[in-house]
Amino acid sequence: MRIVHQLSAEQIAYGLEMPRQLARGQYQACCPAHTDKSPSLSITEKAGKVLLYCFSGCTQTEVIEALVSRGLWPKKSKKAKVHTLVDRLEMESFCAAHVYNLRKQIPTSTKHQRLYRQYQRVLCSPFTPGELIEMNLFCMLYQADTRKGKTSTPDDDEKFLAFSRVVYDKGVPYDC
């Protein structure tokens, strides 16, 4: 199982024809979306993101599709809501505040009630939140690989069964 990471601007540029470095983090190469005799694709890396611009007029979608077909850009995946992990102190504080509100008969939202139940399962769990996250990640990668038709080892099958039971029982805490 592997996690695909974004390539750097340099790696993308040198994966195309006629690459050249203009400045630190700035490259030019032939655009893969059209037939190019001289470099017309600008590839810049800023703040960890790769920016692409074709001076011949190709759209960014066309350029990215061409890069994906050459294996220079990760395949498009379904966009998931980005969550941040919550540490144990935040969970305990949230639970204490929630219990206080319940005792004072202050109404709480369904979202807060669901979050409280998740946090309680994790706080009473023999596993740390980080371990639960790792188990959940393993299960997601295992399922993705089996959907792609990859064969798994008996050891991975055993791990998946054990981890999926724990993750299902305990839930994975996220700050919503």
N, C-alpha and C. Protein backbone atom coordinates (compact mmCIF):
# COMPACT_ATOMS: atom_id res chain seq x y z
N MET A 1 0.84 -1.17 0.00
CA MET A 1 0.00 0.00 0.00
C MET A 1 0.88 1.23 0.00
N ARG A 2 0.47 2.25 -0.77
CA ARG A 2 1.29 3.45 -0.82
C ARG A 2 0.41 4.68 -0.88
N ILE A 3 0.94 5.78 -0.40
CA ILE A 3 0.24 7.06 -0.46
C ILE A 3 0.94 7.90 -1.51
N VAL A 4 0.19 8.45 -2.47
CA VAL A 4 0.77 9.22 -3.56
C VAL A 4 0.92 10.67 -3.11
N HIS A 5 2.10 11.21 -3.30
CA HIS A 5 2.36 12.60 -2.94
C HIS A 5 2.52 13.44 -4.20
N GLN A 6 2.30 14.72 -4.05
CA GLN A 6 2.46 15.68 -5.14
C GLN A 6 3.93 15.80 -5.49
N LEU A 7 4.26 15.80 -6.76
CA LEU A 7 5.65 15.99 -7.20
C LEU A 7 6.02 17.46 -7.09
N SER A 8 7.30 17.73 -7.01
CA SER A 8 7.76 19.13 -6.95
C SER A 8 7.76 19.72 -8.36
N ALA A 9 7.88 21.03 -8.43
CA ALA A 9 7.93 21.72 -9.73
C ALA A 9 9.13 21.23 -10.54
N GLU A 10 10.25 21.00 -9.87
CA GLU A 10 11.45 20.52 -10.55
C GLU A 10 11.22 19.13 -11.16
N GLN A 11 10.61 18.23 -10.39
CA GLN A 11 10.35 16.88 -10.89
C GLN A 11 9.41 16.91 -12.09
N ILE A 12 8.40 17.76 -12.04
CA ILE A 12 7.46 17.87 -13.16
C ILE A 12 8.18 18.42 -14.39
N ALA A 13 8.95 19.48 -14.21
CA ALA A 13 9.66 20.11 -15.33
C ALA A 13 10.61 19.12 -16.01
N TYR A 14 11.39 18.40 -15.21
CA TYR A 14 12.36 17.48 -15.79
C TYR A 14 11.72 16.19 -16.30
N GLY A 15 10.43 16.03 -16.07
CA GLY A 15 9.69 14.92 -16.65
C GLY A 15 9.12 15.27 -18.02
N LEU A 16 9.25 16.54 -18.41
CA LEU A 16 8.74 17.02 -19.71
C LEU A 16 9.91 17.31 -20.65
N GLU A 17 9.57 17.67 -21.88
CA GLU A 17 10.60 17.97 -22.88
C GLU A 17 11.14 19.39 -22.71
N MET A 18 12.42 19.56 -23.02
CA MET A 18 13.12 20.84 -23.00
C MET A 18 12.95 21.64 -21.69
N PRO A 19 13.25 21.02 -20.55
CA PRO A 19 13.10 21.75 -19.29
C PRO A 19 14.25 22.73 -19.07
N ARG A 20 13.95 23.82 -18.40
CA ARG A 20 15.01 24.74 -18.01
C ARG A 20 14.58 25.49 -16.74
N GLN A 21 15.56 25.76 -15.91
CA GLN A 21 15.29 26.47 -14.67
C GLN A 21 15.50 27.95 -14.90
N LEU A 22 14.50 28.74 -14.53
CA LEU A 22 14.58 30.19 -14.67
C LEU A 22 15.11 30.84 -13.40
N ALA A 23 14.61 30.37 -12.28
CA ALA A 23 15.03 30.88 -10.97
C ALA A 23 14.73 29.78 -9.96
N ARG A 24 15.01 30.04 -8.71
CA ARG A 24 14.74 29.04 -7.68
C ARG A 24 13.24 28.78 -7.60
N GLY A 25 12.84 27.53 -7.86
CA GLY A 25 11.43 27.16 -7.80
C GLY A 25 10.64 27.52 -9.05
N GLN A 26 11.31 28.04 -10.09
CA GLN A 26 10.62 28.42 -11.33
C GLN A 26 11.26 27.70 -12.51
N TYR A 27 10.40 27.06 -13.31
CA TYR A 27 10.88 26.27 -14.44
C TYR A 27 9.99 26.53 -15.65
N GLN A 28 10.53 26.19 -16.82
CA GLN A 28 9.77 26.21 -18.06
C GLN A 28 10.05 24.90 -18.78
N ALA A 29 9.03 24.40 -19.48
CA ALA A 29 9.18 23.17 -20.26
C ALA A 29 8.11 23.19 -21.35
N CYS A 30 8.21 22.24 -22.28
CA CYS A 30 7.20 22.13 -23.33
C CYS A 30 5.90 21.66 -22.70
N CYS A 31 4.81 22.27 -23.10
CA CYS A 31 3.50 21.93 -22.56
C CYS A 31 3.08 20.55 -23.08
N PRO A 32 2.65 19.66 -22.18
CA PRO A 32 2.24 18.32 -22.61
C PRO A 32 0.84 18.28 -23.22
N ALA A 33 0.09 19.40 -23.10
CA ALA A 33 -1.29 19.42 -23.58
C ALA A 33 -1.38 19.73 -25.08
N HIS A 34 -0.30 20.23 -25.67
CA HIS A 34 -0.30 20.50 -27.11
C HIS A 34 1.12 20.26 -27.65
N THR A 35 1.22 20.19 -28.96
CA THR A 35 2.56 20.00 -29.55
C THR A 35 3.30 21.33 -29.43
N ASP A 36 4.46 21.24 -28.86
CA ASP A 36 5.22 22.44 -28.53
C ASP A 36 6.64 22.31 -29.07
N LYS A 37 7.12 23.36 -29.74
CA LYS A 37 8.50 23.34 -30.25
C LYS A 37 9.44 24.09 -29.33
N SER A 38 8.89 24.99 -28.54
CA SER A 38 9.70 25.70 -27.54
C SER A 38 8.92 25.73 -26.23
N PRO A 39 9.61 25.81 -25.09
CA PRO A 39 8.93 25.77 -23.80
C PRO A 39 7.90 26.88 -23.63
N SER A 40 6.65 26.49 -23.37
CA SER A 40 5.60 27.49 -23.16
C SER A 40 4.87 27.27 -21.83
N LEU A 41 5.26 26.22 -21.10
CA LEU A 41 4.61 25.93 -19.83
C LEU A 41 5.47 26.45 -18.68
N SER A 42 4.89 27.32 -17.88
CA SER A 42 5.57 27.84 -16.69
C SER A 42 5.17 26.97 -15.51
N ILE A 43 6.17 26.50 -14.77
CA ILE A 43 5.94 25.64 -13.60
C ILE A 43 6.63 26.30 -12.42
N THR A 44 5.85 26.73 -11.45
CA THR A 44 6.37 27.46 -10.30
C THR A 44 5.93 26.78 -9.01
N GLU A 45 6.82 26.75 -8.04
CA GLU A 45 6.47 26.18 -6.74
C GLU A 45 6.50 27.30 -5.71
N LYS A 46 5.33 27.52 -5.07
CA LYS A 46 5.23 28.54 -4.03
C LYS A 46 4.47 27.96 -2.86
N ALA A 47 4.99 28.13 -1.69
CA ALA A 47 4.35 27.67 -0.44
C ALA A 47 3.92 26.21 -0.52
N GLY A 48 4.76 25.39 -1.14
CA GLY A 48 4.47 23.95 -1.21
C GLY A 48 3.44 23.57 -2.26
N LYS A 49 2.99 24.52 -3.06
CA LYS A 49 2.02 24.24 -4.12
C LYS A 49 2.66 24.48 -5.48
N VAL A 50 2.28 23.64 -6.45
CA VAL A 50 2.81 23.78 -7.80
C VAL A 50 1.80 24.56 -8.63
N LEU A 51 2.26 25.63 -9.25
CA LEU A 51 1.42 26.48 -10.10
C LEU A 51 1.83 26.27 -11.55
N LEU A 52 0.83 26.11 -12.42
CA LEU A 52 1.07 25.85 -13.84
C LEU A 52 0.41 26.93 -14.69
N TYR A 53 1.11 27.37 -15.74
CA TYR A 53 0.51 28.31 -16.67
C TYR A 53 1.10 28.08 -18.06
N CYS A 54 0.21 27.87 -19.06
CA CYS A 54 0.65 27.67 -20.43
C CYS A 54 0.48 28.98 -21.19
N PHE A 55 1.59 29.50 -21.72
CA PHE A 55 1.56 30.76 -22.46
C PHE A 55 0.94 30.59 -23.85
N SER A 56 0.71 29.35 -24.29
CA SER A 56 0.07 29.12 -25.58
C SER A 56 -1.45 29.08 -25.46
N GLY A 57 -1.96 29.13 -24.25
CA GLY A 57 -3.40 29.22 -24.06
C GLY A 57 -4.11 27.96 -23.59
N CYS A 58 -3.39 26.90 -23.27
CA CYS A 58 -4.04 25.69 -22.76
C CYS A 58 -4.63 25.99 -21.37
N THR A 59 -5.79 25.41 -21.11
CA THR A 59 -6.40 25.60 -19.79
C THR A 59 -5.64 24.77 -18.77
N GLN A 60 -5.80 25.11 -17.51
CA GLN A 60 -5.13 24.37 -16.46
C GLN A 60 -5.62 22.92 -16.42
N THR A 61 -6.90 22.73 -16.69
CA THR A 61 -7.47 21.37 -16.71
C THR A 61 -6.80 20.53 -17.78
N GLU A 62 -6.60 21.09 -18.98
CA GLU A 62 -5.96 20.35 -20.07
C GLU A 62 -4.52 19.99 -19.70
N VAL A 63 -3.81 20.92 -19.09
CA VAL A 63 -2.42 20.68 -18.71
C VAL A 63 -2.36 19.58 -17.64
N ILE A 64 -3.22 19.67 -16.63
CA ILE A 64 -3.21 18.68 -15.54
C ILE A 64 -3.58 17.30 -16.07
N GLU A 65 -4.58 17.23 -16.97
CA GLU A 65 -4.95 15.92 -17.55
C GLU A 65 -3.77 15.31 -18.30
N ALA A 66 -3.02 16.15 -19.03
CA ALA A 66 -1.86 15.65 -19.77
C ALA A 66 -0.76 15.19 -18.80
N LEU A 67 -0.58 15.91 -17.70
CA LEU A 67 0.42 15.52 -16.70
C LEU A 67 0.01 14.22 -16.01
N VAL A 68 -1.29 14.06 -15.73
CA VAL A 68 -1.79 12.82 -15.11
C VAL A 68 -1.51 11.64 -16.03
N SER A 69 -1.75 11.81 -17.33
CA SER A 69 -1.54 10.72 -18.28
C SER A 69 -0.06 10.31 -18.37
N ARG A 70 0.84 11.24 -18.04
CA ARG A 70 2.28 10.94 -18.05
C ARG A 70 2.80 10.51 -16.68
N GLY A 71 1.90 10.49 -15.70
CA GLY A 71 2.29 10.09 -14.35
C GLY A 71 3.03 11.18 -13.58
N LEU A 72 2.89 12.42 -14.02
CA LEU A 72 3.58 13.53 -13.36
C LEU A 72 2.67 14.32 -12.41
N TRP A 73 1.42 13.90 -12.28
CA TRP A 73 0.46 14.58 -11.41
C TRP A 73 -0.42 13.50 -10.81
N PRO A 74 -0.76 13.60 -9.51
CA PRO A 74 -1.59 12.55 -8.92
C PRO A 74 -2.98 12.54 -9.55
N LYS A 75 -3.54 11.34 -9.66
CA LYS A 75 -4.88 11.22 -10.23
C LYS A 75 -5.88 11.91 -9.32
N LYS A 76 -6.90 12.46 -9.95
CA LYS A 76 -7.93 13.18 -9.20
C LYS A 76 -8.65 12.21 -8.29
N SER A 77 -8.81 12.61 -7.05
CA SER A 77 -9.54 11.78 -6.11
C SER A 77 -10.76 12.56 -5.63
N LYS A 78 -11.68 11.83 -5.03
CA LYS A 78 -12.86 12.50 -4.50
C LYS A 78 -12.40 13.44 -3.40
N LYS A 79 -12.92 14.66 -3.42
CA LYS A 79 -12.51 15.62 -2.42
C LYS A 79 -13.22 15.30 -1.10
N ALA A 80 -12.45 15.20 -0.07
CA ALA A 80 -13.00 14.94 1.25
C ALA A 80 -12.85 16.19 2.10
N LYS A 81 -13.74 16.33 3.04
CA LYS A 81 -13.67 17.44 3.96
C LYS A 81 -12.40 17.28 4.79
N VAL A 82 -11.65 18.34 4.93
CA VAL A 82 -10.41 18.28 5.69
C VAL A 82 -10.74 18.45 7.17
N HIS A 83 -10.24 17.51 7.97
CA HIS A 83 -10.45 17.55 9.40
C HIS A 83 -9.11 17.66 10.10
N THR A 84 -9.14 18.29 11.27
CA THR A 84 -7.92 18.34 12.06
C THR A 84 -8.09 17.42 13.26
N LEU A 85 -7.03 16.74 13.62
CA LEU A 85 -7.08 15.85 14.77
C LEU A 85 -7.18 16.65 16.05
N VAL A 86 -7.88 16.09 17.01
CA VAL A 86 -8.07 16.74 18.28
C VAL A 86 -7.20 16.03 19.31
N ASP A 87 -6.52 16.79 20.16
CA ASP A 87 -5.70 16.12 21.17
C ASP A 87 -6.54 15.77 22.40
N ARG A 88 -5.98 14.98 23.25
CA ARG A 88 -6.71 14.43 24.41
C ARG A 88 -7.23 15.54 25.33
N LEU A 89 -6.43 16.58 25.57
CA LEU A 89 -6.84 17.67 26.45
C LEU A 89 -8.08 18.38 25.89
N GLU A 90 -8.11 18.62 24.57
CA GLU A 90 -9.27 19.25 23.95
C GLU A 90 -10.52 18.37 24.12
N MET A 91 -10.34 17.05 23.95
CA MET A 91 -11.47 16.13 24.11
C MET A 91 -12.00 16.18 25.53
N GLU A 92 -11.09 16.14 26.52
CA GLU A 92 -11.52 16.18 27.93
C GLU A 92 -12.22 17.50 28.25
N SER A 93 -11.70 18.60 27.74
CA SER A 93 -12.32 19.91 27.98
C SER A 93 -13.70 19.97 27.36
N PHE A 94 -13.81 19.48 26.13
CA PHE A 94 -15.10 19.49 25.44
C PHE A 94 -16.12 18.65 26.23
N CYS A 95 -15.71 17.46 26.67
CA CYS A 95 -16.61 16.57 27.41
C CYS A 95 -17.05 17.21 28.72
N ALA A 96 -16.12 17.85 29.43
CA ALA A 96 -16.47 18.51 30.70
C ALA A 96 -17.46 19.64 30.45
N ALA A 97 -17.25 20.43 29.40
CA ALA A 97 -18.18 21.53 29.08
C ALA A 97 -19.54 20.98 28.68
N HIS A 98 -19.54 19.87 27.94
CA HIS A 98 -20.80 19.27 27.50
C HIS A 98 -21.60 18.76 28.71
N VAL A 99 -20.93 18.08 29.62
CA VAL A 99 -21.59 17.57 30.83
C VAL A 99 -22.13 18.74 31.67
N TYR A 100 -21.35 19.81 31.78
CA TYR A 100 -21.80 21.00 32.51
C TYR A 100 -23.09 21.55 31.88
N ASN A 101 -23.11 21.67 30.55
CA ASN A 101 -24.30 22.17 29.86
C ASN A 101 -25.51 21.27 30.10
N LEU A 102 -25.28 19.96 30.11
CA LEU A 102 -26.38 19.02 30.34
C LEU A 102 -26.94 19.17 31.75
N ARG A 103 -26.04 19.32 32.73
CA ARG A 103 -26.48 19.49 34.12
C ARG A 103 -27.27 20.78 34.33
N LYS A 104 -26.86 21.82 33.63
CA LYS A 104 -27.54 23.12 33.73
C LYS A 104 -28.76 23.19 32.80
N GLN A 105 -29.02 22.08 32.09
CA GLN A 105 -30.13 21.96 31.14
C GLN A 105 -30.06 22.99 30.01
N ILE A 106 -28.83 23.27 29.59
CA ILE A 106 -28.60 24.14 28.43
C ILE A 106 -28.67 23.24 27.20
N PRO A 107 -29.52 23.57 26.22
CA PRO A 107 -29.64 22.69 25.04
C PRO A 107 -28.33 22.59 24.26
N THR A 108 -28.07 21.38 23.74
CA THR A 108 -26.88 21.16 22.92
C THR A 108 -27.32 20.67 21.54
N SER A 109 -26.50 20.94 20.57
CA SER A 109 -26.83 20.54 19.20
C SER A 109 -26.58 19.04 19.01
N THR A 110 -27.18 18.48 17.97
CA THR A 110 -26.97 17.07 17.64
C THR A 110 -25.50 16.82 17.32
N LYS A 111 -24.88 17.78 16.66
CA LYS A 111 -23.46 17.66 16.30
C LYS A 111 -22.62 17.53 17.57
N HIS A 112 -22.90 18.35 18.59
CA HIS A 112 -22.15 18.29 19.83
C HIS A 112 -22.41 16.99 20.58
N GLN A 113 -23.64 16.50 20.53
CA GLN A 113 -23.95 15.23 21.18
C GLN A 113 -23.18 14.08 20.53
N ARG A 114 -23.16 14.07 19.20
CA ARG A 114 -22.45 13.02 18.46
C ARG A 114 -20.94 13.09 18.75
N LEU A 115 -20.39 14.30 18.76
CA LEU A 115 -18.98 14.50 19.06
C LEU A 115 -18.66 14.04 20.47
N TYR A 116 -19.55 14.35 21.42
CA TYR A 116 -19.36 13.92 22.81
C TYR A 116 -19.29 12.39 22.90
N ARG A 117 -20.19 11.71 22.21
CA ARG A 117 -20.18 10.24 22.24
C ARG A 117 -18.90 9.68 21.62
N GLN A 118 -18.44 10.28 20.51
CA GLN A 118 -17.18 9.85 19.88
C GLN A 118 -16.01 10.04 20.84
N TYR A 119 -15.94 11.22 21.45
CA TYR A 119 -14.83 11.51 22.36
C TYR A 119 -14.85 10.57 23.56
N GLN A 120 -16.04 10.28 24.08
CA GLN A 120 -16.14 9.37 25.22
C GLN A 120 -15.62 7.98 24.86
N ARG A 121 -15.95 7.49 23.66
CA ARG A 121 -15.47 6.18 23.24
C ARG A 121 -13.95 6.17 23.17
N VAL A 122 -13.37 7.27 22.70
CA VAL A 122 -11.92 7.34 22.57
C VAL A 122 -11.26 7.51 23.93
N LEU A 123 -11.82 8.35 24.79
CA LEU A 123 -11.23 8.58 26.10
C LEU A 123 -11.25 7.32 26.96
N CYS A 124 -12.23 6.47 26.76
CA CYS A 124 -12.34 5.22 27.52
C CYS A 124 -11.66 4.06 26.81
N SER A 125 -11.03 4.32 25.70
CA SER A 125 -10.40 3.29 24.88
C SER A 125 -8.98 3.01 25.36
N PRO A 126 -8.52 1.76 25.22
CA PRO A 126 -7.12 1.47 25.56
C PRO A 126 -6.15 1.99 24.49
N PHE A 127 -6.68 2.51 23.38
CA PHE A 127 -5.84 3.02 22.30
C PHE A 127 -5.77 4.53 22.35
N THR A 128 -4.65 5.10 21.95
CA THR A 128 -4.53 6.56 21.86
C THR A 128 -5.24 7.01 20.59
N PRO A 129 -5.66 8.28 20.51
CA PRO A 129 -6.28 8.77 19.28
C PRO A 129 -5.38 8.57 18.06
N GLY A 130 -4.07 8.73 18.22
CA GLY A 130 -3.14 8.54 17.10
C GLY A 130 -3.16 7.10 16.59
N GLU A 131 -3.24 6.15 17.52
CA GLU A 131 -3.29 4.74 17.12
C GLU A 131 -4.58 4.43 16.36
N LEU A 132 -5.67 5.03 16.82
CA LEU A 132 -6.95 4.82 16.13
C LEU A 132 -6.91 5.40 14.72
N ILE A 133 -6.27 6.56 14.57
CA ILE A 133 -6.16 7.18 13.26
C ILE A 133 -5.32 6.29 12.34
N GLU A 134 -4.22 5.74 12.85
CA GLU A 134 -3.38 4.86 12.04
C GLU A 134 -4.14 3.60 11.62
N MET A 135 -4.94 3.06 12.54
CA MET A 135 -5.75 1.88 12.21
C MET A 135 -6.75 2.21 11.11
N ASN A 136 -7.40 3.37 11.23
CA ASN A 136 -8.38 3.79 10.23
C ASN A 136 -7.71 4.00 8.88
N LEU A 137 -6.53 4.62 8.86
CA LEU A 137 -5.80 4.85 7.61
C LEU A 137 -5.43 3.51 6.96
N PHE A 138 -4.97 2.55 7.77
CA PHE A 138 -4.64 1.23 7.23
C PHE A 138 -5.87 0.61 6.59
N CYS A 139 -7.02 0.69 7.26
CA CYS A 139 -8.26 0.10 6.72
C CYS A 139 -8.66 0.75 5.40
N MET A 140 -8.54 2.10 5.32
CA MET A 140 -8.90 2.80 4.08
C MET A 140 -7.97 2.39 2.94
N LEU A 141 -6.67 2.31 3.21
CA LEU A 141 -5.71 1.92 2.18
C LEU A 141 -5.92 0.46 1.75
N TYR A 142 -6.22 -0.40 2.70
CA TYR A 142 -6.47 -1.82 2.41
C TYR A 142 -7.68 -1.94 1.48
N GLN A 143 -8.76 -1.22 1.81
CA GLN A 143 -9.97 -1.28 0.98
C GLN A 143 -9.72 -0.72 -0.41
N ALA A 144 -8.97 0.39 -0.49
CA ALA A 144 -8.67 0.99 -1.80
C ALA A 144 -7.86 0.02 -2.66
N ASP A 145 -6.88 -0.64 -2.06
CA ASP A 145 -6.06 -1.60 -2.80
C ASP A 145 -6.87 -2.81 -3.27
N THR A 146 -7.76 -3.32 -2.42
CA THR A 146 -8.56 -4.49 -2.82
C THR A 146 -9.55 -4.11 -3.92
N ARG A 147 -10.06 -2.88 -3.89
CA ARG A 147 -10.96 -2.42 -4.97
C ARG A 147 -10.23 -2.34 -6.30
N LYS A 148 -8.94 -2.03 -6.24
CA LYS A 148 -8.13 -1.94 -7.47
C LYS A 148 -7.71 -3.32 -7.97
N GLY A 149 -8.03 -4.37 -7.20
CA GLY A 149 -7.72 -5.72 -7.63
C GLY A 149 -6.37 -6.23 -7.14
N LYS A 150 -5.71 -5.50 -6.26
CA LYS A 150 -4.43 -5.95 -5.73
C LYS A 150 -4.67 -7.07 -4.71
N THR A 151 -3.81 -8.05 -4.73
CA THR A 151 -3.94 -9.14 -3.76
C THR A 151 -3.23 -8.76 -2.48
N SER A 152 -3.82 -9.15 -1.37
CA SER A 152 -3.23 -8.81 -0.08
C SER A 152 -2.66 -10.06 0.57
N THR A 153 -1.78 -9.85 1.51
CA THR A 153 -1.17 -10.98 2.22
C THR A 153 -2.11 -11.42 3.33
N PRO A 154 -1.99 -12.66 3.79
CA PRO A 154 -2.81 -13.11 4.92
C PRO A 154 -2.61 -12.26 6.18
N ASP A 155 -1.38 -11.76 6.36
CA ASP A 155 -1.10 -10.89 7.50
C ASP A 155 -1.91 -9.59 7.41
N ASP A 156 -1.96 -9.00 6.18
CA ASP A 156 -2.75 -7.78 5.98
C ASP A 156 -4.24 -8.05 6.19
N ASP A 157 -4.72 -9.22 5.76
CA ASP A 157 -6.12 -9.58 5.96
C ASP A 157 -6.46 -9.64 7.45
N GLU A 158 -5.58 -10.26 8.23
CA GLU A 158 -5.79 -10.36 9.68
C GLU A 158 -5.79 -8.98 10.32
N LYS A 159 -4.80 -8.16 9.93
CA LYS A 159 -4.72 -6.80 10.48
C LYS A 159 -5.99 -6.02 10.16
N PHE A 160 -6.44 -6.12 8.90
CA PHE A 160 -7.63 -5.38 8.49
C PHE A 160 -8.84 -5.78 9.34
N LEU A 161 -9.05 -7.07 9.53
CA LEU A 161 -10.19 -7.52 10.32
C LEU A 161 -10.12 -6.99 11.76
N ALA A 162 -8.94 -7.08 12.36
CA ALA A 162 -8.77 -6.61 13.74
C ALA A 162 -8.94 -5.09 13.83
N PHE A 163 -8.27 -4.36 12.94
CA PHE A 163 -8.32 -2.90 12.97
C PHE A 163 -9.72 -2.39 12.66
N SER A 164 -10.39 -2.99 11.67
CA SER A 164 -11.72 -2.50 11.29
C SER A 164 -12.71 -2.67 12.44
N ARG A 165 -12.57 -3.75 13.20
CA ARG A 165 -13.46 -3.93 14.37
C ARG A 165 -13.23 -2.83 15.40
N VAL A 166 -11.97 -2.53 15.68
CA VAL A 166 -11.65 -1.50 16.67
C VAL A 166 -12.13 -0.14 16.20
N VAL A 167 -11.84 0.20 14.96
CA VAL A 167 -12.22 1.51 14.43
C VAL A 167 -13.74 1.64 14.41
N TYR A 168 -14.44 0.58 14.03
CA TYR A 168 -15.91 0.61 14.00
C TYR A 168 -16.47 0.79 15.40
N ASP A 169 -15.91 0.07 16.36
CA ASP A 169 -16.40 0.15 17.75
C ASP A 169 -16.12 1.50 18.39
N LYS A 170 -14.91 2.02 18.16
CA LYS A 170 -14.48 3.22 18.87
C LYS A 170 -14.74 4.51 18.11
N GLY A 171 -14.79 4.45 16.79
CA GLY A 171 -14.93 5.68 16.02
C GLY A 171 -13.60 6.41 15.97
N VAL A 172 -13.47 7.34 15.06
CA VAL A 172 -12.23 8.11 14.93
C VAL A 172 -12.57 9.57 15.18
N PRO A 173 -11.95 10.21 16.19
CA PRO A 173 -12.31 11.58 16.54
C PRO A 173 -11.74 12.62 15.58
N TYR A 174 -12.59 13.48 15.11
CA TYR A 174 -12.16 14.59 14.27
C TYR A 174 -12.84 15.84 14.78
N ASP A 175 -12.15 16.95 14.64
CA ASP A 175 -12.73 18.23 14.98
C ASP A 175 -13.55 18.69 13.79
N CYS A 176 -14.85 18.76 13.91
CA CYS A 176 -15.73 19.09 12.78
C CYS A 176 -15.94 20.57 12.64
